[in-house]
Amino acid sequence: MNYNWNWMIFWDPAPDGNGTYLDLLFSGLFWTLLTAACAWALALALGSVIGVIRTLKTPWIARIGTVYVEIFRNIPLLVQLFLWYFVLPELLPRAAGMWLKQLPNAAFWTGFIGVGMYMSARVAEQVRSGIQALPRARRWPGWRWA
């Protein structure tokens, strides 16, 4: 096999007319890293709260956390992203749906929320299992580290 790579294409104008192909690649890298960072922050915050909720002694509160985790873990990520981007604006009241559709960078906002919610279910499971790994005497208020 004899490949002839054309590396100069990175300096050719991009089809959209905004810079070169290299600029387009760096723009994609920027949006990917921004989406990942925002989704990570959302997943850490929400997943920690849901994970703690799942360990509470009140059964109905713990069930709410369990339902959340089961829904977001058992629906594939691609389906969730589709639902967030295409279905959610249609389910909202007309004014809210139009606002969501016309947001600048709507794909970014729905993407980071969708990925963040998906990952938060996994973080919740990790937090729950970490708490349940502790001895029972050290889980609840009033315990002492002896």
N, C-alpha and C. Protein backbone atom coordinates (compact mmCIF):
# COMPACT_ATOMS: atom_id res chain seq x y z
N MET A 1 0.83 -1.17 0.00
CA MET A 1 0.00 0.00 0.00
C MET A 1 0.88 1.24 0.00
N ASN A 2 0.58 2.10 -0.89
CA ASN A 2 1.34 3.33 -1.00
C ASN A 2 0.37 4.51 -0.89
N TYR A 3 0.30 5.09 0.31
CA TYR A 3 -0.59 6.21 0.53
C TYR A 3 0.11 7.51 0.16
N ASN A 4 -0.65 8.41 -0.39
CA ASN A 4 -0.14 9.73 -0.70
C ASN A 4 -1.00 10.74 0.06
N TRP A 5 -0.58 11.09 1.27
CA TRP A 5 -1.35 11.98 2.12
C TRP A 5 -1.18 13.42 1.66
N ASN A 6 -2.27 14.15 1.57
CA ASN A 6 -2.24 15.55 1.19
C ASN A 6 -2.42 16.39 2.45
N TRP A 7 -1.30 16.69 3.12
CA TRP A 7 -1.37 17.43 4.37
C TRP A 7 -1.65 18.92 4.14
N MET A 8 -1.51 19.39 2.95
CA MET A 8 -1.75 20.80 2.67
C MET A 8 -3.24 21.15 2.70
N ILE A 9 -4.08 20.15 2.75
CA ILE A 9 -5.52 20.42 2.79
C ILE A 9 -5.91 21.19 4.04
N PHE A 10 -5.12 21.07 5.12
CA PHE A 10 -5.42 21.80 6.35
C PHE A 10 -5.37 23.31 6.15
N TRP A 11 -4.65 23.78 5.14
CA TRP A 11 -4.53 25.20 4.89
C TRP A 11 -5.46 25.67 3.77
N ASP A 12 -6.24 24.75 3.21
CA ASP A 12 -7.23 25.12 2.20
C ASP A 12 -8.44 25.76 2.88
N PRO A 13 -9.16 26.62 2.18
CA PRO A 13 -10.37 27.22 2.78
C PRO A 13 -11.42 26.16 3.08
N ALA A 14 -12.07 26.31 4.24
CA ALA A 14 -13.13 25.39 4.64
C ALA A 14 -14.38 25.65 3.79
N PRO A 15 -15.24 24.65 3.63
CA PRO A 15 -16.43 24.82 2.78
C PRO A 15 -17.38 25.91 3.27
N ASP A 16 -17.39 26.19 4.57
CA ASP A 16 -18.30 27.21 5.07
C ASP A 16 -17.77 28.62 4.86
N GLY A 17 -16.52 28.75 4.41
CA GLY A 17 -15.94 30.05 4.13
C GLY A 17 -15.39 30.78 5.34
N ASN A 18 -15.37 30.12 6.49
CA ASN A 18 -14.85 30.75 7.71
C ASN A 18 -13.51 30.15 8.09
N GLY A 19 -12.46 30.53 7.42
CA GLY A 19 -11.13 30.05 7.75
C GLY A 19 -10.76 28.81 6.97
N THR A 20 -9.81 28.06 7.54
CA THR A 20 -9.27 26.88 6.88
C THR A 20 -9.81 25.62 7.56
N TYR A 21 -9.45 24.48 6.98
CA TYR A 21 -9.83 23.21 7.59
C TYR A 21 -9.20 23.07 8.98
N LEU A 22 -7.99 23.57 9.15
CA LEU A 22 -7.33 23.50 10.46
C LEU A 22 -8.11 24.31 11.49
N ASP A 23 -8.59 25.48 11.09
CA ASP A 23 -9.43 26.28 12.00
C ASP A 23 -10.70 25.51 12.37
N LEU A 24 -11.25 24.84 11.41
CA LEU A 24 -12.46 24.05 11.65
C LEU A 24 -12.19 22.91 12.64
N LEU A 25 -11.03 22.27 12.51
CA LEU A 25 -10.66 21.21 13.45
C LEU A 25 -10.47 21.75 14.87
N PHE A 26 -9.80 22.90 14.99
CA PHE A 26 -9.60 23.48 16.31
C PHE A 26 -10.92 23.96 16.93
N SER A 27 -11.82 24.44 16.10
CA SER A 27 -13.14 24.83 16.60
C SER A 27 -13.89 23.61 17.14
N GLY A 28 -13.81 22.50 16.43
CA GLY A 28 -14.44 21.26 16.89
C GLY A 28 -13.82 20.77 18.19
N LEU A 29 -12.50 20.88 18.30
CA LEU A 29 -11.82 20.48 19.53
C LEU A 29 -12.27 21.35 20.70
N PHE A 30 -12.38 22.65 20.47
CA PHE A 30 -12.82 23.56 21.52
C PHE A 30 -14.22 23.20 22.01
N TRP A 31 -15.16 23.01 21.09
CA TRP A 31 -16.53 22.70 21.49
C TRP A 31 -16.63 21.34 22.16
N THR A 32 -15.82 20.39 21.72
CA THR A 32 -15.81 19.07 22.35
C THR A 32 -15.33 19.14 23.79
N LEU A 33 -14.23 19.87 24.01
CA LEU A 33 -13.69 20.00 25.37
C LEU A 33 -14.63 20.80 26.27
N LEU A 34 -15.25 21.84 25.72
CA LEU A 34 -16.19 22.62 26.51
C LEU A 34 -17.42 21.79 26.90
N THR A 35 -17.93 21.02 25.97
CA THR A 35 -19.07 20.16 26.26
C THR A 35 -18.71 19.12 27.32
N ALA A 36 -17.54 18.53 27.20
CA ALA A 36 -17.10 17.52 28.17
C ALA A 36 -16.93 18.13 29.55
N ALA A 37 -16.33 19.31 29.64
CA ALA A 37 -16.10 19.94 30.94
C ALA A 37 -17.41 20.33 31.61
N CYS A 38 -18.32 20.89 30.85
CA CYS A 38 -19.62 21.27 31.42
C CYS A 38 -20.43 20.04 31.84
N ALA A 39 -20.40 19.01 31.01
CA ALA A 39 -21.13 17.78 31.34
C ALA A 39 -20.52 17.12 32.57
N TRP A 40 -19.20 17.16 32.70
CA TRP A 40 -18.54 16.58 33.87
C TRP A 40 -18.96 17.31 35.14
N ALA A 41 -18.99 18.65 35.08
CA ALA A 41 -19.38 19.42 36.26
C ALA A 41 -20.83 19.12 36.65
N LEU A 42 -21.71 19.06 35.68
CA LEU A 42 -23.11 18.74 35.95
C LEU A 42 -23.24 17.33 36.52
N ALA A 43 -22.53 16.38 35.94
CA ALA A 43 -22.60 14.99 36.39
C ALA A 43 -22.08 14.84 37.81
N LEU A 44 -21.01 15.52 38.13
CA LEU A 44 -20.44 15.42 39.47
C LEU A 44 -21.39 15.99 40.52
N ALA A 45 -21.95 17.17 40.23
CA ALA A 45 -22.85 17.80 41.20
C ALA A 45 -24.15 17.01 41.35
N LEU A 46 -24.81 16.74 40.25
CA LEU A 46 -26.10 16.05 40.31
C LEU A 46 -25.94 14.60 40.75
N GLY A 47 -24.91 13.92 40.26
CA GLY A 47 -24.68 12.53 40.63
C GLY A 47 -24.37 12.36 42.11
N SER A 48 -23.64 13.30 42.69
CA SER A 48 -23.34 13.22 44.11
C SER A 48 -24.62 13.34 44.95
N VAL A 49 -25.47 14.27 44.56
CA VAL A 49 -26.73 14.45 45.29
C VAL A 49 -27.62 13.22 45.15
N ILE A 50 -27.78 12.72 43.95
CA ILE A 50 -28.63 11.55 43.72
C ILE A 50 -28.05 10.32 44.43
N GLY A 51 -26.73 10.18 44.42
CA GLY A 51 -26.09 9.05 45.10
C GLY A 51 -26.35 9.06 46.60
N VAL A 52 -26.27 10.24 47.20
CA VAL A 52 -26.56 10.35 48.63
C VAL A 52 -28.04 10.09 48.89
N ILE A 53 -28.90 10.60 48.01
CA ILE A 53 -30.35 10.38 48.16
C ILE A 53 -30.66 8.88 48.16
N ARG A 54 -29.95 8.14 47.34
CA ARG A 54 -30.22 6.69 47.25
C ARG A 54 -29.85 5.93 48.51
N THR A 55 -29.06 6.53 49.39
CA THR A 55 -28.66 5.84 50.63
C THR A 55 -29.48 6.28 51.83
N LEU A 56 -30.44 7.17 51.63
CA LEU A 56 -31.24 7.65 52.76
C LEU A 56 -32.17 6.55 53.27
N LYS A 57 -32.57 6.68 54.53
CA LYS A 57 -33.43 5.67 55.14
C LYS A 57 -34.89 5.83 54.76
N THR A 58 -35.28 7.01 54.27
CA THR A 58 -36.67 7.25 53.87
C THR A 58 -36.91 6.55 52.53
N PRO A 59 -37.80 5.56 52.50
CA PRO A 59 -37.94 4.74 51.29
C PRO A 59 -38.41 5.51 50.06
N TRP A 60 -39.34 6.43 50.21
CA TRP A 60 -39.87 7.09 49.01
C TRP A 60 -38.85 8.05 48.41
N ILE A 61 -37.99 8.65 49.24
CA ILE A 61 -36.94 9.52 48.71
C ILE A 61 -35.88 8.67 48.00
N ALA A 62 -35.52 7.55 48.61
CA ALA A 62 -34.55 6.66 47.97
C ALA A 62 -35.08 6.11 46.65
N ARG A 63 -36.38 5.86 46.58
CA ARG A 63 -36.98 5.39 45.32
C ARG A 63 -36.90 6.41 44.21
N ILE A 64 -37.04 7.68 44.56
CA ILE A 64 -36.91 8.74 43.55
C ILE A 64 -35.51 8.69 42.93
N GLY A 65 -34.49 8.55 43.77
CA GLY A 65 -33.13 8.42 43.26
C GLY A 65 -32.94 7.17 42.42
N THR A 66 -33.55 6.07 42.84
CA THR A 66 -33.45 4.82 42.08
C THR A 66 -34.11 4.94 40.72
N VAL A 67 -35.27 5.58 40.67
CA VAL A 67 -35.96 5.76 39.39
C VAL A 67 -35.12 6.62 38.45
N TYR A 68 -34.54 7.69 38.99
CA TYR A 68 -33.67 8.56 38.18
C TYR A 68 -32.52 7.75 37.57
N VAL A 69 -31.84 7.00 38.42
CA VAL A 69 -30.69 6.22 37.95
C VAL A 69 -31.12 5.18 36.93
N GLU A 70 -32.19 4.48 37.19
CA GLU A 70 -32.63 3.44 36.26
C GLU A 70 -33.04 4.02 34.91
N ILE A 71 -33.69 5.16 34.91
CA ILE A 71 -34.09 5.77 33.64
C ILE A 71 -32.86 6.18 32.84
N PHE A 72 -31.95 6.91 33.48
CA PHE A 72 -30.81 7.45 32.73
C PHE A 72 -29.73 6.41 32.43
N ARG A 73 -29.68 5.32 33.17
CA ARG A 73 -28.70 4.28 32.85
C ARG A 73 -29.20 3.32 31.79
N ASN A 74 -30.52 3.15 31.68
CA ASN A 74 -31.06 2.13 30.79
C ASN A 74 -31.51 2.65 29.44
N ILE A 75 -31.49 3.94 29.24
CA ILE A 75 -31.78 4.50 27.92
C ILE A 75 -30.43 4.85 27.29
N PRO A 76 -30.14 4.34 26.10
CA PRO A 76 -28.85 4.61 25.48
C PRO A 76 -28.60 6.12 25.30
N LEU A 77 -27.35 6.51 25.39
CA LEU A 77 -26.99 7.93 25.31
C LEU A 77 -27.45 8.58 24.02
N LEU A 78 -27.28 7.90 22.90
CA LEU A 78 -27.69 8.47 21.62
C LEU A 78 -29.19 8.74 21.58
N VAL A 79 -29.98 7.84 22.15
CA VAL A 79 -31.43 8.04 22.22
C VAL A 79 -31.75 9.23 23.12
N GLN A 80 -31.05 9.33 24.25
CA GLN A 80 -31.28 10.46 25.15
C GLN A 80 -30.94 11.78 24.48
N LEU A 81 -29.83 11.85 23.76
CA LEU A 81 -29.47 13.08 23.06
C LEU A 81 -30.51 13.44 22.01
N PHE A 82 -31.01 12.44 21.31
CA PHE A 82 -32.07 12.67 20.33
C PHE A 82 -33.31 13.25 21.02
N LEU A 83 -33.68 12.67 22.17
CA LEU A 83 -34.85 13.14 22.90
C LEU A 83 -34.66 14.57 23.40
N TRP A 84 -33.48 14.87 23.93
CA TRP A 84 -33.21 16.21 24.43
C TRP A 84 -33.27 17.25 23.31
N TYR A 85 -32.73 16.92 22.15
CA TYR A 85 -32.61 17.91 21.08
C TYR A 85 -33.89 18.05 20.25
N PHE A 86 -34.52 16.92 19.90
CA PHE A 86 -35.66 16.97 18.99
C PHE A 86 -37.02 16.88 19.68
N VAL A 87 -37.13 16.12 20.76
CA VAL A 87 -38.43 15.84 21.36
C VAL A 87 -38.77 16.84 22.46
N LEU A 88 -37.81 17.17 23.32
CA LEU A 88 -38.09 18.06 24.44
C LEU A 88 -38.69 19.40 24.00
N PRO A 89 -38.17 20.08 22.97
CA PRO A 89 -38.79 21.35 22.57
C PRO A 89 -40.25 21.19 22.12
N GLU A 90 -40.60 20.03 21.60
CA GLU A 90 -41.98 19.80 21.17
C GLU A 90 -42.91 19.50 22.34
N LEU A 91 -42.37 18.99 23.45
CA LEU A 91 -43.18 18.67 24.62
C LEU A 91 -43.43 19.88 25.52
N LEU A 92 -42.53 20.86 25.44
CA LEU A 92 -42.66 22.07 26.25
C LEU A 92 -43.78 22.95 25.70
N PRO A 93 -44.27 23.88 26.51
CA PRO A 93 -45.21 24.86 25.95
C PRO A 93 -44.58 25.58 24.76
N ARG A 94 -45.41 26.05 23.87
CA ARG A 94 -44.94 26.60 22.60
C ARG A 94 -43.85 27.66 22.77
N ALA A 95 -44.04 28.60 23.68
CA ALA A 95 -43.05 29.68 23.85
C ALA A 95 -41.72 29.13 24.35
N ALA A 96 -41.76 28.20 25.30
CA ALA A 96 -40.51 27.62 25.83
C ALA A 96 -39.83 26.75 24.77
N GLY A 97 -40.61 26.02 24.00
CA GLY A 97 -40.04 25.19 22.94
C GLY A 97 -39.37 26.03 21.86
N MET A 98 -40.01 27.13 21.47
CA MET A 98 -39.40 28.02 20.47
C MET A 98 -38.14 28.67 21.01
N TRP A 99 -38.16 29.04 22.30
CA TRP A 99 -36.97 29.63 22.90
C TRP A 99 -35.81 28.63 22.87
N LEU A 100 -36.09 27.37 23.21
CA LEU A 100 -35.05 26.35 23.23
C LEU A 100 -34.51 26.09 21.82
N LYS A 101 -35.38 26.07 20.84
CA LYS A 101 -34.94 25.83 19.46
C LYS A 101 -34.10 26.98 18.92
N GLN A 102 -34.38 28.20 19.36
CA GLN A 102 -33.69 29.37 18.82
C GLN A 102 -32.50 29.81 19.65
N LEU A 103 -32.17 29.06 20.66
CA LEU A 103 -30.99 29.39 21.46
C LEU A 103 -29.74 29.38 20.59
N PRO A 104 -28.85 30.33 20.79
CA PRO A 104 -27.57 30.22 20.08
C PRO A 104 -26.83 28.98 20.62
N ASN A 105 -26.29 28.20 19.73
CA ASN A 105 -25.60 26.95 20.10
C ASN A 105 -26.52 26.00 20.86
N ALA A 106 -27.74 25.84 20.38
CA ALA A 106 -28.71 24.95 21.03
C ALA A 106 -28.18 23.52 21.11
N ALA A 107 -27.43 23.10 20.12
CA ALA A 107 -26.86 21.75 20.14
C ALA A 107 -25.89 21.59 21.31
N PHE A 108 -25.12 22.62 21.61
CA PHE A 108 -24.20 22.57 22.75
C PHE A 108 -24.97 22.42 24.05
N TRP A 109 -25.99 23.26 24.26
CA TRP A 109 -26.73 23.23 25.52
C TRP A 109 -27.45 21.92 25.72
N THR A 110 -28.15 21.45 24.72
CA THR A 110 -28.86 20.18 24.88
C THR A 110 -27.87 19.02 24.97
N GLY A 111 -26.75 19.11 24.28
CA GLY A 111 -25.74 18.05 24.34
C GLY A 111 -25.11 17.95 25.71
N PHE A 112 -24.70 19.09 26.26
CA PHE A 112 -24.04 19.02 27.56
C PHE A 112 -25.02 18.61 28.67
N ILE A 113 -26.27 19.03 28.58
CA ILE A 113 -27.25 18.60 29.58
C ILE A 113 -27.54 17.11 29.42
N GLY A 114 -27.69 16.65 28.19
CA GLY A 114 -27.96 15.23 27.96
C GLY A 114 -26.82 14.34 28.42
N VAL A 115 -25.60 14.69 28.06
CA VAL A 115 -24.44 13.89 28.48
C VAL A 115 -24.24 14.00 29.99
N GLY A 116 -24.46 15.19 30.54
CA GLY A 116 -24.30 15.37 31.99
C GLY A 116 -25.30 14.55 32.79
N MET A 117 -26.53 14.50 32.34
CA MET A 117 -27.55 13.71 33.04
C MET A 117 -27.24 12.21 32.91
N TYR A 118 -26.80 11.80 31.74
CA TYR A 118 -26.44 10.40 31.52
C TYR A 118 -25.29 10.00 32.45
N MET A 119 -24.25 10.84 32.51
CA MET A 119 -23.09 10.52 33.35
C MET A 119 -23.42 10.65 34.83
N SER A 120 -24.38 11.51 35.18
CA SER A 120 -24.71 11.68 36.59
C SER A 120 -25.31 10.41 37.19
N ALA A 121 -25.99 9.63 36.38
CA ALA A 121 -26.52 8.36 36.88
C ALA A 121 -25.38 7.42 37.24
N ARG A 122 -24.32 7.43 36.48
CA ARG A 122 -23.16 6.60 36.80
C ARG A 122 -22.43 7.11 38.04
N VAL A 123 -22.29 8.42 38.15
CA VAL A 123 -21.67 9.00 39.35
C VAL A 123 -22.51 8.67 40.58
N ALA A 124 -23.83 8.73 40.44
CA ALA A 124 -24.71 8.40 41.56
C ALA A 124 -24.49 6.97 42.03
N GLU A 125 -24.33 6.06 41.11
CA GLU A 125 -24.06 4.66 41.49
C GLU A 125 -22.72 4.53 42.20
N GLN A 126 -21.72 5.27 41.74
CA GLN A 126 -20.41 5.21 42.39
C GLN A 126 -20.47 5.79 43.80
N VAL A 127 -21.19 6.89 43.96
CA VAL A 127 -21.32 7.50 45.29
C VAL A 127 -22.11 6.57 46.21
N ARG A 128 -23.21 6.01 45.72
CA ARG A 128 -24.02 5.10 46.53
C ARG A 128 -23.21 3.90 46.97
N SER A 129 -22.48 3.29 46.04
CA SER A 129 -21.70 2.11 46.41
C SER A 129 -20.56 2.46 47.35
N GLY A 130 -20.00 3.65 47.20
CA GLY A 130 -18.95 4.09 48.13
C GLY A 130 -19.47 4.28 49.53
N ILE A 131 -20.65 4.86 49.64
CA ILE A 131 -21.26 5.05 50.96
C ILE A 131 -21.64 3.71 51.57
N GLN A 132 -22.20 2.83 50.76
CA GLN A 132 -22.61 1.53 51.30
C GLN A 132 -21.42 0.62 51.60
N ALA A 133 -20.25 0.96 51.12
CA ALA A 133 -19.06 0.16 51.44
C ALA A 133 -18.57 0.44 52.86
N LEU A 134 -19.00 1.56 53.42
CA LEU A 134 -18.60 1.88 54.79
C LEU A 134 -19.32 0.96 55.77
N PRO A 135 -18.71 0.70 56.90
CA PRO A 135 -19.42 -0.05 57.93
C PRO A 135 -20.67 0.73 58.36
N ARG A 136 -21.71 0.02 58.71
CA ARG A 136 -23.00 0.63 59.03
C ARG A 136 -22.88 1.70 60.12
N ALA A 137 -22.04 1.49 61.09
CA ALA A 137 -21.90 2.43 62.20
C ALA A 137 -21.29 3.76 61.76
N ARG A 138 -20.63 3.80 60.63
CA ARG A 138 -19.98 5.03 60.19
C ARG A 138 -20.73 5.75 59.08
N ARG A 139 -21.89 5.28 58.72
CA ARG A 139 -22.64 5.88 57.61
C ARG A 139 -23.49 7.07 58.02
N TRP A 140 -24.02 7.08 59.21
CA TRP A 140 -25.06 8.03 59.55
C TRP A 140 -24.59 9.02 60.59
N PRO A 141 -25.30 10.15 60.71
CA PRO A 141 -24.92 11.17 61.72
C PRO A 141 -24.89 10.55 63.12
N GLY A 142 -23.97 11.05 63.92
CA GLY A 142 -23.83 10.54 65.27
C GLY A 142 -22.71 9.52 65.41
N TRP A 143 -22.10 9.11 64.28
CA TRP A 143 -21.03 8.13 64.37
C TRP A 143 -19.74 8.81 64.79
N ARG A 144 -18.83 8.02 65.31
CA ARG A 144 -17.52 8.54 65.69
C ARG A 144 -16.44 7.69 65.04
N TRP A 145 -15.38 8.37 64.63
CA TRP A 145 -14.21 7.64 64.12
C TRP A 145 -13.41 7.21 65.33
N ALA A 146 -13.46 5.94 65.64
CA ALA A 146 -12.76 5.44 66.83
C ALA A 146 -11.34 5.05 66.52
